[in-house]
Structure formats: structure tokens, C-alpha cells
Amino acid sequence: MTHFTPTARDHLNNPVTAPSRELIERYEQAIAEFQCYRGDPVTTIAEALDQDSGFPMGHVLHGYLNLLGTEPAGFAVARANYEAASALPANARERAHVRALGYLIESEWRAAGRVLEDIAIQYPRDVVALQVGQLTDFFTGEARMLRDRIARALPDWDEGMPGYHAVLGMHAFGLEETGAYERAEVAGRRAVELEPGDAWAWHAVAHCMEMQGRPEDGIAWFRSDVDAWSRDNFFAVHNWWHLALFHLECGEIAAVLDLFDARIYGARSPLILDLLDASALLWRLHLRNVPLGDRWQAVADGWEPHAAAGNYAFNDMHAMMAFVCAGRPAAVQAVLEAQERKAPGCGDNADFTREVGTSVTRGILAFGSGDYAETVRCLRPVRNLSHRFGGSHAQRDLLDLTLLEAAVRDGQRALARALVAERLDRKPHTPANRALLERMDARPLAA
């Protein structure tokens, strides 16, 4: 474990090297925006650096923000931040952050997470180490650390500290991803009470309702104060996506399509995080044979510039959905070739691609081609390993839904019934799962 020497202090008593108190305040403003996913923290911290570039944590935060969206263009920006921060005087805590940033630039998510873990162990009020650390856990599928990274720090926080709501919201998400739904919901609701604009806390509570099969509660939760979580919020699309999933679970297809057209992809966002939600929602509708018009074409247009990126296997899966459904064979081939290049290499994404990504993208391609037996063959071996390439339980459920639909279409009666039974065991009362059971009973399948 790294040990640090204290210097000047920020408002949470963390050692910080900065040319002025004003820069620290701008830095903390950017952190507050990041915590709520509101405003433009990238611009806020960039303006601080324009004022004075001799601020190592300013460069680090700017670099983190450019990497955490998994945008290919963010790597060059973050590398410039890394080089600038590396050349500046800094205390040991800040140098550790610089190391973490360097690991992220090389797609070494796990190594970055370990450095951030050590920072937070010694400085549990370093909310940047906590938040960026939890996101590295999300991208690597480390459910236990999603919870425990935050749980370790909680004793050093209280409601009088700036950002306490964010720590509660992060803890809520970690609790949810480890199955402690009741505690998670309590923590998430308290975070929203403390800061109604905390979009991550709204999201954590929604995850609880999703995993417990409570779509009506989820709709009511989001509809209770739409403005709080959606206004001026760069996480709003993802929360609109969660609302759409609740409507989908209730069989309200028209509401889902309205949300897609108006909120989820109406603005044709080029951001990968928004493209992920667009693909994931349309694919769920595709599995139900819902007519989608030209919606896939628009989403595929968004993915085209990233077809050959190969920087995150979870993204590759969602790009493949769009390219398959939009009929883009050249883009399909670009994804496959990018994965072939990545898989033999080093870095965490090479592991993600080898262990899960290649099988998943080929399974999606097979489904789109009508080869449902091949879809089953590709997805069954990796469905219980899929956490290794990141995402949440709710996001990865798409793989189970695809496997189930492929088994139905291929006439694999026993497998299909088994998959429906396990869904019913988790969510026995949701309309979607009851409909699956009725479908199994009504539709004769080949032995």
C-alpha cells in the first residue's frame, strides 16, 4: 500500500497542490458537477487549467473525464493531461492519481482501480478516488468492489460534508449490484433527499426496482420528479433508458418507442454512452419482433465512426447489434477484425475480448443471420462470465434475453423452459416474465 505525505488541504482535508485557492474551488465545482452528472465538468476544469496549468489534480480530473465515457478520441486528450501532470510538482496522493490515469490510458482498468483503492484507503474523503474507482469497478464487472470500495470510506463521512450524497448514492449502487436491494434503496432515496439532482442515486434506486421486478414502482419513481434527474444532466439518457425498460416490462410498447424517439435517441447523440442505450433498447424490441422502421439506421450511423475502435468489448457488442440490424456488413467485419487484433494483446480489454467479447459479438451476428443454434452455442458458455466485460446486471440481462429467444426460435424446448423458469424465480410477478411462461405453454416447440 502506498503512503503519502500531507501538504495543503482542500475542503475535505485532502492534501492538494494548487497555485491558488480559487483553482481548488473551481476543481471542487467540477467534482460537484461530476457527482450529479450535471452541467459540464469537463469545461469547468478545462477553464481552470486555462487560468493556470500548474495544477496537477486539474489535469488528472480532466483526463479521467475524457476516458470514462470510453470515447476513442478521449485517449489523446487524457494522454496530454497525463504528460502535463507528470511534469508538475505534486504530493504523493496526486502522484498516485497520475499513475492511475496512466493505467487508464493503457486500458489497464484493474491496475488503475487498485491504485485508486490505495488512495481511498489512506484518504477516504478523496471523492475523486472513490467515484473514478467505482467506475473502474463498473467497467471491469467487479461487483464486490462496487460496494466495498465505498463501504470502507463511509465511516469517515457524515451528512455535513460536501458530496456526502454522492458517497451514499455510490454505496447504494454497490449494494444493489451485490443483491442488498432493501439497503440499497434506503441509501439511494436518502441521497436523493440530500441532493435531488444526484442522477446516480436516482439510477441506483431504479436498479433496485428493476432487479426486484417492480416496473410500476420504477415508473412512479422516475415520474415523481423528472426535472430533478433529467434537467441539464448528461446521465439523463441512461435514466430515460431505465424508464423505458420499466414500460417494456409492462408491455407498453408505444411508450417505449415514444421514449426512444423523444428522449433516448431523438437528439442523435454521438456519445458512446448514449449509443449503448439506444442499441440496447432497440435490440430488446427486436427480440420481440417489434417493427422499428428506420431507427436502426440512425443508430448504426452513430456507431460507424467507432466500428474499428476495439477499445472496449462491451461497446463492440452494442455496435454489432446496430450493424447487424441495419444491414452494414462492412461495419460488422470492422468490429470482428478489431476484436481479432485486440484479443491476442495486453491490457484488460484484451482479456474482456478473449473471455467474453468475441463470443458475444459472434452470437449477436448469428442471431441477426437467423442461425439461432449458433447463437445458443456462442452465448451459453459465456452468460455466467459476462460480468467480466463490465456493465450492470440490468444491462447484461440482454444476453440472457437473446439466449432465451434463440433457444425458442431454434426449437430447443427444454433449454427455453429452463431459462424461463430461472427468470420467473427471480421476478415471478412481472408481466414480461408471465408472458414468457404463457408463450412456452402456448407455442409447440420441437423436442
Protein backbone atom coordinates (compact mmCIF):
# COMPACT_ATOMS: atom_id res chain seq x y z
CA MET A 1 0.00 0.00 0.00
CA THR A 2 1.21 3.49 -0.88
CA HIS A 3 1.82 6.02 1.91
CA PHE A 4 1.50 9.75 1.44
CA THR A 5 2.90 12.94 2.94
CA PRO A 6 0.31 15.68 3.61
CA THR A 7 0.65 19.21 2.15
CA ALA A 8 -2.03 21.93 1.71
CA ARG A 9 -5.64 20.83 2.19
CA ASP A 10 -8.90 21.05 0.25
CA HIS A 11 -12.34 21.37 1.84
CA LEU A 12 -12.41 17.65 2.64
CA ASN A 13 -8.93 17.75 4.18
CA ASN A 14 -7.17 16.02 1.31
CA PRO A 15 -3.60 17.13 0.50
CA VAL A 16 -3.58 19.21 -2.66
CA THR A 17 -1.03 21.12 -4.72
CA ALA A 18 -2.59 24.16 -6.40
CA PRO A 19 -1.41 27.65 -7.32
CA SER A 20 -4.41 29.30 -5.66
CA ARG A 21 -7.48 28.70 -3.52
CA GLU A 22 -9.60 29.86 -6.48
CA LEU A 23 -8.34 26.93 -8.57
CA ILE A 24 -9.21 24.50 -5.79
CA GLU A 25 -12.72 25.94 -5.69
CA ARG A 26 -13.11 25.54 -9.47
CA TYR A 27 -11.83 21.98 -9.14
CA GLU A 28 -14.38 21.27 -6.43
CA GLN A 29 -17.11 22.80 -8.60
CA ALA A 30 -16.16 20.37 -11.38
CA ILE A 31 -16.26 17.50 -8.89
CA ALA A 32 -19.73 18.54 -7.71
CA GLU A 33 -20.93 18.57 -11.34
CA PHE A 34 -19.37 15.15 -11.92
CA GLN A 35 -21.06 13.76 -8.82
CA CYS A 36 -24.51 14.75 -10.07
CA TYR A 37 -23.69 14.25 -13.78
CA ARG A 38 -24.98 17.78 -14.21
CA GLY A 39 -23.62 20.72 -16.16
CA ASP A 40 -20.25 20.42 -17.91
CA PRO A 41 -17.45 19.37 -15.56
CA VAL A 42 -15.05 18.94 -18.49
CA THR A 43 -15.41 22.60 -19.42
CA THR A 44 -15.31 23.71 -15.79
CA ILE A 45 -11.97 22.06 -15.11
CA ALA A 46 -10.59 23.00 -18.55
CA GLU A 47 -11.30 26.65 -17.80
CA ALA A 48 -9.46 26.30 -14.51
CA LEU A 49 -6.46 24.86 -16.34
CA ASP A 50 -6.63 27.71 -18.86
CA GLN A 51 -6.36 30.07 -15.92
CA ASP A 52 -3.31 28.24 -14.55
CA SER A 53 -1.98 24.97 -15.97
CA GLY A 54 0.26 24.28 -12.95
CA PHE A 55 -2.42 22.27 -11.20
CA PRO A 56 -1.78 18.51 -11.22
CA MET A 57 -5.20 17.37 -9.99
CA GLY A 58 -6.85 19.64 -12.53
CA HIS A 59 -5.06 17.73 -15.30
CA VAL A 60 -5.87 14.40 -13.63
CA LEU A 61 -9.59 15.15 -13.35
CA HIS A 62 -9.73 16.40 -16.93
CA GLY A 63 -8.01 13.20 -18.05
CA TYR A 64 -10.37 10.98 -16.08
CA LEU A 65 -13.41 12.73 -17.51
CA ASN A 66 -12.13 12.21 -21.04
CA LEU A 67 -11.62 8.48 -20.50
CA LEU A 68 -14.66 7.41 -18.50
CA GLY A 69 -17.03 7.71 -21.45
CA THR A 70 -14.89 5.15 -23.38
CA GLU A 71 -14.73 7.56 -26.32
CA PRO A 72 -11.76 6.73 -28.58
CA ALA A 73 -10.99 10.43 -29.04
CA GLY A 74 -10.61 10.85 -25.29
CA PHE A 75 -7.34 8.93 -25.14
CA ALA A 76 -5.24 11.61 -26.84
CA VAL A 77 -6.66 14.32 -24.58
CA ALA A 78 -6.06 12.24 -21.46
CA ARG A 79 -2.51 11.45 -22.55
CA ALA A 80 -1.76 15.17 -22.83
CA ASN A 81 -3.19 15.63 -19.33
CA TYR A 82 -1.05 12.78 -18.06
CA GLU A 83 2.13 14.27 -19.54
CA ALA A 84 1.34 17.70 -18.13
CA ALA A 85 0.56 16.38 -14.66
CA SER A 86 3.66 14.16 -14.65
CA ALA A 87 5.87 17.20 -15.17
CA LEU A 88 4.42 19.21 -12.28
CA PRO A 89 5.36 19.25 -8.60
CA ALA A 90 2.84 17.10 -6.73
CA ASN A 91 2.35 15.38 -3.42
CA ALA A 92 2.26 11.61 -3.14
CA ARG A 93 -1.55 11.40 -3.27
CA GLU A 94 -1.58 13.36 -6.50
CA ARG A 95 1.27 11.31 -7.99
CA ALA A 96 -0.76 8.20 -7.27
CA HIS A 97 -3.68 9.72 -9.19
CA VAL A 98 -1.31 10.41 -12.08
CA ARG A 99 -0.30 6.73 -12.05
CA ALA A 100 -3.95 5.70 -12.10
CA LEU A 101 -4.58 7.98 -15.06
CA GLY A 102 -1.61 6.44 -16.85
CA TYR A 103 -3.02 2.96 -16.34
CA LEU A 104 -6.41 4.01 -17.70
CA ILE A 105 -4.78 5.45 -20.82
CA GLU A 106 -3.31 1.98 -21.44
CA SER A 107 -6.73 0.36 -20.77
CA GLU A 108 -5.36 -1.18 -17.58
CA TRP A 109 -8.63 -0.69 -15.72
CA ARG A 110 -7.87 -3.13 -12.90
CA ALA A 111 -4.45 -1.66 -12.17
CA ALA A 112 -5.95 1.83 -12.06
CA GLY A 113 -8.62 0.57 -9.69
CA ARG A 114 -6.00 -0.81 -7.32
CA VAL A 115 -4.11 2.48 -7.19
CA LEU A 116 -7.36 4.34 -6.54
CA GLU A 117 -8.18 1.78 -3.85
CA ASP A 118 -4.94 2.56 -2.03
CA ILE A 119 -5.58 6.29 -2.27
CA ALA A 120 -9.05 5.91 -0.79
CA ILE A 121 -7.83 3.63 1.99
CA GLN A 122 -5.50 6.34 3.24
CA TYR A 123 -7.70 9.27 2.16
CA PRO A 124 -11.29 8.03 2.45
CA ARG A 125 -12.60 11.53 1.76
CA ASP A 126 -10.91 11.65 -1.65
CA VAL A 127 -14.19 11.55 -3.51
CA VAL A 128 -12.47 11.53 -6.91
CA ALA A 129 -10.65 8.33 -5.96
CA LEU A 130 -13.96 6.87 -4.80
CA GLN A 131 -16.01 7.87 -7.83
CA VAL A 132 -13.45 7.08 -10.51
CA GLY A 133 -12.60 3.90 -8.61
CA GLN A 134 -16.22 2.78 -8.59
CA LEU A 135 -16.46 3.43 -12.32
CA THR A 136 -13.38 1.25 -12.91
CA ASP A 137 -15.19 -1.46 -10.94
CA PHE A 138 -18.23 -0.97 -13.17
CA PHE A 139 -16.20 -1.28 -16.36
CA THR A 140 -14.49 -4.43 -15.10
CA GLY A 141 -17.58 -6.06 -13.55
CA GLU A 142 -16.14 -6.06 -10.00
CA ALA A 143 -19.45 -6.15 -8.11
CA ARG A 144 -17.93 -6.67 -4.68
CA MET A 145 -15.62 -3.68 -5.04
CA LEU A 146 -18.52 -1.55 -6.31
CA ARG A 147 -19.85 -1.97 -2.78
CA ASP A 148 -16.77 -2.34 -0.60
CA ARG A 149 -14.69 0.47 -2.06
CA ILE A 150 -17.39 2.84 -0.81
CA ALA A 151 -18.27 0.95 2.39
CA ARG A 152 -14.69 1.33 3.61
CA ALA A 153 -14.91 5.10 3.33
CA LEU A 154 -18.37 5.67 4.83
CA PRO A 155 -17.24 5.86 8.49
CA ASP A 156 -15.19 8.95 7.60
CA TRP A 157 -18.15 10.79 6.10
CA ASP A 158 -21.22 12.49 7.52
CA GLU A 159 -24.15 14.48 6.17
CA GLY A 160 -22.49 17.80 6.87
CA MET A 161 -19.73 17.20 4.30
CA PRO A 162 -19.98 18.37 0.70
CA GLY A 163 -20.60 15.42 -1.57
CA TYR A 164 -21.94 13.08 1.09
CA HIS A 165 -24.99 12.45 -1.10
CA ALA A 166 -22.68 11.12 -3.82
CA VAL A 167 -20.99 8.69 -1.45
CA LEU A 168 -24.41 7.41 -0.36
CA GLY A 169 -25.53 7.10 -3.98
CA MET A 170 -22.40 5.17 -4.89
CA HIS A 171 -22.85 2.89 -1.91
CA ALA A 172 -26.47 2.33 -2.97
CA PHE A 173 -25.35 1.18 -6.41
CA GLY A 174 -22.73 -1.15 -4.95
CA LEU A 175 -25.28 -2.63 -2.55
CA GLU A 176 -27.72 -3.15 -5.41
CA GLU A 177 -25.17 -4.90 -7.62
CA THR A 178 -24.43 -7.30 -4.74
CA GLY A 179 -28.09 -8.07 -4.11
CA ALA A 180 -28.75 -5.99 -0.98
CA TYR A 181 -31.76 -4.34 -2.57
CA GLU A 182 -33.56 -3.05 0.52
CA ARG A 183 -30.47 -1.38 1.98
CA ALA A 184 -29.58 -0.03 -1.45
CA GLU A 185 -32.97 1.57 -1.92
CA VAL A 186 -32.83 3.21 1.51
CA ALA A 187 -29.38 4.65 0.79
CA GLY A 188 -30.32 5.81 -2.70
CA ARG A 189 -33.50 7.51 -1.55
CA ARG A 190 -31.61 9.29 1.23
CA ALA A 191 -29.02 10.51 -1.28
CA VAL A 192 -31.81 11.97 -3.43
CA GLU A 193 -33.35 13.63 -0.37
CA LEU A 194 -30.00 15.29 0.34
CA GLU A 195 -29.37 16.24 -3.29
CA PRO A 196 -32.38 15.90 -5.63
CA GLY A 197 -30.10 16.37 -8.63
CA ASP A 198 -27.96 13.29 -7.91
CA ALA A 199 -28.70 11.32 -11.07
CA TRP A 200 -26.53 8.37 -9.99
CA ALA A 201 -28.60 7.93 -6.82
CA TRP A 202 -31.85 8.07 -8.84
CA HIS A 203 -30.28 5.41 -11.06
CA ALA A 204 -29.29 3.20 -8.10
CA VAL A 205 -32.86 3.14 -6.79
CA ALA A 206 -34.14 2.33 -10.28
CA HIS A 207 -31.75 -0.63 -10.45
CA CYS A 208 -33.24 -1.99 -7.21
CA MET A 209 -36.71 -1.87 -8.71
CA GLU A 210 -35.51 -3.42 -11.97
CA MET A 211 -33.83 -6.33 -10.23
CA GLN A 212 -36.81 -6.96 -7.95
CA GLY A 213 -39.31 -6.95 -10.80
CA ARG A 214 -41.13 -3.77 -9.73
CA PRO A 215 -41.73 -1.94 -13.03
CA GLU A 216 -44.75 0.02 -11.81
CA ASP A 217 -42.71 1.31 -8.86
CA GLY A 218 -39.88 2.19 -11.23
CA ILE A 219 -42.17 4.24 -13.44
CA ALA A 220 -43.59 6.04 -10.41
CA TRP A 221 -40.06 6.67 -9.05
CA PHE A 222 -38.83 8.38 -12.19
CA ARG A 223 -42.09 10.21 -12.87
CA SER A 224 -42.10 11.64 -9.33
CA ASP A 225 -39.63 14.40 -10.29
CA VAL A 226 -38.45 14.20 -13.89
CA ASP A 227 -36.87 17.62 -13.79
CA ALA A 228 -34.58 16.72 -10.88
CA TRP A 229 -32.77 13.91 -12.68
CA SER A 230 -33.06 15.00 -16.32
CA ARG A 231 -32.53 18.76 -16.46
CA ASP A 232 -29.07 19.74 -17.72
CA ASN A 233 -27.87 16.23 -17.00
CA PHE A 234 -25.51 14.20 -19.16
CA PHE A 235 -26.69 10.98 -17.47
CA ALA A 236 -30.34 11.67 -18.33
CA VAL A 237 -30.39 9.41 -21.40
CA HIS A 238 -29.43 6.41 -19.32
CA ASN A 239 -32.15 7.11 -16.79
CA TRP A 240 -34.67 7.60 -19.61
CA TRP A 241 -33.49 4.18 -20.82
CA HIS A 242 -34.24 2.68 -17.42
CA LEU A 243 -37.71 4.22 -17.52
CA ALA A 244 -38.21 2.70 -20.97
CA LEU A 245 -37.23 -0.74 -19.59
CA PHE A 246 -39.94 -0.43 -16.95
CA HIS A 247 -42.52 0.36 -19.61
CA LEU A 248 -41.22 -2.52 -21.71
CA GLU A 249 -41.56 -4.89 -18.77
CA CYS A 250 -45.22 -3.83 -18.57
CA GLY A 251 -45.71 -4.46 -22.30
CA GLU A 252 -46.24 -0.76 -23.06
CA ILE A 253 -44.50 -0.73 -26.44
CA ALA A 254 -45.90 2.61 -27.60
CA ALA A 255 -44.48 4.32 -24.50
CA VAL A 256 -41.10 2.68 -25.12
CA LEU A 257 -40.95 3.89 -28.71
CA ASP A 258 -42.02 7.37 -27.66
CA LEU A 259 -39.19 7.48 -25.13
CA PHE A 260 -36.70 6.25 -27.70
CA ASP A 261 -37.73 8.85 -30.27
CA ALA A 262 -38.03 11.80 -27.89
CA ARG A 263 -35.54 11.17 -25.12
CA ILE A 264 -33.11 8.34 -25.75
CA TYR A 265 -32.04 8.90 -29.35
CA GLY A 266 -34.12 11.82 -30.55
CA ALA A 267 -31.11 14.13 -30.39
CA ARG A 268 -28.93 11.62 -32.34
CA SER A 269 -26.24 11.90 -29.70
CA PRO A 270 -22.80 10.80 -30.95
CA LEU A 271 -21.67 9.85 -27.43
CA ILE A 272 -20.93 6.18 -26.91
CA LEU A 273 -22.77 6.02 -23.60
CA ASP A 274 -25.93 7.21 -25.37
CA LEU A 275 -25.37 4.87 -28.32
CA LEU A 276 -25.14 1.97 -25.87
CA ASP A 277 -28.59 2.77 -24.52
CA ALA A 278 -30.05 3.21 -27.99
CA SER A 279 -28.74 -0.16 -29.19
CA ALA A 280 -29.71 -1.97 -26.00
CA LEU A 281 -33.29 -0.74 -26.14
CA LEU A 282 -33.82 -1.40 -29.85
CA TRP A 283 -32.35 -4.90 -29.52
CA ARG A 284 -34.82 -5.76 -26.77
CA LEU A 285 -37.62 -4.60 -29.08
CA HIS A 286 -36.06 -6.55 -31.96
CA LEU A 287 -36.19 -9.72 -29.84
CA ARG A 288 -39.95 -9.14 -29.52
CA ASN A 289 -40.36 -8.61 -33.28
CA VAL A 290 -41.50 -5.01 -32.81
CA PRO A 291 -41.39 -3.08 -36.14
CA LEU A 292 -38.71 -0.41 -35.77
CA GLY A 293 -38.77 1.41 -39.09
CA ASP A 294 -35.52 3.21 -39.84
CA ARG A 295 -34.45 3.60 -36.21
CA TRP A 296 -31.61 1.09 -36.54
CA GLN A 297 -30.15 3.02 -39.46
CA ALA A 298 -29.82 6.16 -37.36
CA VAL A 299 -28.15 4.27 -34.51
CA ALA A 300 -25.80 2.46 -36.89
CA ASP A 301 -24.79 5.84 -38.34
CA GLY A 302 -23.75 6.86 -34.82
CA TRP A 303 -21.71 3.71 -34.31
CA GLU A 304 -19.96 3.76 -37.72
CA PRO A 305 -17.04 6.02 -36.65
CA HIS A 306 -16.28 3.56 -33.82
CA ALA A 307 -16.60 0.29 -35.73
CA ALA A 308 -12.87 -0.39 -35.75
CA ALA A 309 -12.03 1.17 -32.37
CA GLY A 310 -11.75 -2.07 -30.41
CA ASN A 311 -11.14 -0.24 -27.14
CA TYR A 312 -13.93 -1.82 -25.05
CA ALA A 313 -15.62 -5.16 -25.77
CA PHE A 314 -18.88 -4.09 -24.13
CA ASN A 315 -19.14 -1.34 -26.75
CA ASP A 316 -18.38 -3.82 -29.54
CA MET A 317 -21.42 -5.89 -28.59
CA HIS A 318 -23.75 -2.92 -28.88
CA ALA A 319 -22.20 -1.70 -32.11
CA MET A 320 -22.66 -5.18 -33.58
CA MET A 321 -26.39 -5.09 -32.77
CA ALA A 322 -26.79 -1.89 -34.75
CA PHE A 323 -24.70 -3.04 -37.70
CA VAL A 324 -26.47 -6.39 -37.95
CA CYS A 325 -29.95 -4.91 -37.80
CA ALA A 326 -29.13 -2.02 -40.14
CA GLY A 327 -27.51 -4.34 -42.70
CA ARG A 328 -23.97 -2.93 -42.54
CA PRO A 329 -21.70 -5.87 -43.50
CA ALA A 330 -18.56 -3.74 -43.81
CA ALA A 331 -19.06 -2.36 -40.31
CA VAL A 332 -19.75 -5.86 -38.99
CA GLN A 333 -16.46 -7.01 -40.44
CA ALA A 334 -14.67 -4.00 -38.96
CA VAL A 335 -15.85 -4.94 -35.47
CA LEU A 336 -14.78 -8.55 -35.91
CA GLU A 337 -11.35 -7.57 -37.23
CA ALA A 338 -10.84 -5.09 -34.40
CA GLN A 339 -11.57 -7.82 -31.88
CA GLU A 340 -9.22 -10.22 -33.65
CA ARG A 341 -6.46 -7.61 -33.37
CA LYS A 342 -7.23 -6.86 -29.75
CA ALA A 343 -7.68 -10.37 -28.32
CA PRO A 344 -4.02 -11.54 -28.51
CA GLY A 345 -2.71 -8.34 -26.96
CA CYS A 346 -2.19 -6.95 -23.48
CA GLY A 347 -4.44 -4.82 -21.34
CA ASP A 348 -7.74 -5.52 -19.69
CA ASN A 349 -9.77 -5.09 -22.85
CA ALA A 350 -7.78 -7.88 -24.47
CA ASP A 351 -8.99 -10.07 -21.60
CA PHE A 352 -12.56 -8.80 -21.94
CA THR A 353 -12.48 -9.61 -25.64
CA ARG A 354 -10.98 -13.07 -25.26
CA GLU A 355 -13.10 -14.15 -22.32
CA VAL A 356 -16.47 -12.76 -23.36
CA GLY A 357 -16.49 -10.19 -26.15
CA THR A 358 -15.71 -12.33 -29.17
CA SER A 359 -18.32 -14.95 -28.29
CA VAL A 360 -20.95 -12.31 -27.63
CA THR A 361 -20.46 -10.35 -30.84
CA ARG A 362 -20.47 -13.56 -32.87
CA GLY A 363 -23.62 -14.66 -31.07
CA ILE A 364 -25.31 -11.37 -31.94
CA LEU A 365 -24.21 -11.74 -35.56
CA ALA A 366 -25.56 -15.29 -35.67
CA PHE A 367 -28.91 -14.18 -34.27
CA GLY A 368 -29.19 -11.46 -36.88
CA SER A 369 -28.42 -14.04 -39.56
CA GLY A 370 -31.12 -16.38 -38.30
CA ASP A 371 -28.64 -19.01 -37.11
CA TYR A 372 -30.20 -19.47 -33.69
CA ALA A 373 -28.36 -22.69 -32.91
CA GLU A 374 -25.07 -20.82 -33.35
CA THR A 375 -26.35 -18.03 -31.12
CA VAL A 376 -27.00 -20.56 -28.37
CA ARG A 377 -23.62 -22.14 -28.93
CA CYS A 378 -21.87 -18.76 -28.59
CA LEU A 379 -23.80 -17.35 -25.64
CA ARG A 380 -24.30 -20.30 -23.32
CA PRO A 381 -20.62 -20.69 -22.35
CA VAL A 382 -20.19 -17.00 -21.50
CA ARG A 383 -23.51 -15.97 -19.96
CA ASN A 384 -22.22 -16.68 -16.44
CA LEU A 385 -18.91 -14.96 -17.21
CA SER A 386 -20.35 -11.85 -18.83
CA HIS A 387 -19.70 -9.67 -15.77
CA ARG A 388 -16.04 -9.85 -16.75
CA PHE A 389 -16.56 -7.36 -19.55
CA GLY A 390 -18.40 -4.84 -17.43
CA GLY A 391 -21.82 -3.29 -17.28
CA SER A 392 -24.57 -3.81 -14.72
CA HIS A 393 -26.80 -6.80 -14.11
CA ALA A 394 -29.62 -4.93 -15.84
CA GLN A 395 -27.51 -4.22 -18.92
CA ARG A 396 -26.16 -7.75 -19.19
CA ASP A 397 -29.68 -9.19 -18.97
CA LEU A 398 -29.82 -8.51 -22.68
CA LEU A 399 -27.59 -11.55 -23.21
CA ASP A 400 -29.97 -13.81 -21.28
CA LEU A 401 -32.90 -12.47 -23.27
CA THR A 402 -31.07 -13.13 -26.53
CA LEU A 403 -30.12 -16.66 -25.48
CA LEU A 404 -33.70 -17.38 -24.45
CA GLU A 405 -35.15 -16.08 -27.70
CA ALA A 406 -32.59 -18.04 -29.73
CA ALA A 407 -33.49 -21.22 -27.86
CA VAL A 408 -37.18 -20.64 -28.57
CA ARG A 409 -36.60 -19.98 -32.27
CA ASP A 410 -34.27 -22.94 -32.63
CA GLY A 411 -36.81 -25.28 -31.06
CA GLN A 412 -34.65 -26.10 -28.03
CA ARG A 413 -37.70 -26.67 -25.84
CA ALA A 414 -36.02 -27.90 -22.68
CA LEU A 415 -33.45 -25.10 -22.62
CA ALA A 416 -36.07 -22.46 -23.32
CA ARG A 417 -38.28 -23.68 -20.48
CA ALA A 418 -35.31 -23.81 -18.12
CA LEU A 419 -34.37 -20.22 -18.95
CA VAL A 420 -37.94 -19.03 -18.44
CA ALA A 421 -38.10 -20.86 -15.10
CA GLU A 422 -34.99 -19.11 -13.80
CA ARG A 423 -36.38 -15.71 -14.81
CA LEU A 424 -39.64 -16.46 -13.04
CA ASP A 425 -37.73 -17.48 -9.94
CA ARG A 426 -36.12 -14.03 -9.80
CA LYS A 427 -39.15 -12.00 -10.88
CA PRO A 428 -42.28 -14.13 -10.55
CA HIS A 429 -44.85 -11.37 -10.98
CA THR A 430 -43.62 -9.16 -13.81
CA PRO A 431 -45.87 -9.05 -16.89
CA ALA A 432 -42.97 -9.78 -19.24
CA ASN A 433 -41.98 -12.97 -17.45
CA ARG A 434 -45.57 -14.15 -17.14
CA ALA A 435 -45.92 -13.58 -20.88
CA LEU A 436 -42.84 -15.72 -21.50
CA LEU A 437 -44.36 -18.54 -19.49
CA GLU A 438 -47.61 -18.29 -21.42
CA ARG A 439 -45.63 -18.37 -24.64
CA MET A 440 -43.87 -21.55 -23.58
CA ASP A 441 -47.22 -23.18 -22.80
CA ALA A 442 -48.95 -21.98 -25.96
CA ARG A 443 -46.30 -22.49 -28.60
CA PRO A 444 -45.37 -26.05 -29.51
CA LEU A 445 -41.64 -26.41 -29.79
CA ALA A 446 -39.64 -29.17 -31.38
CA ALA A 447 -38.33 -31.75 -28.92
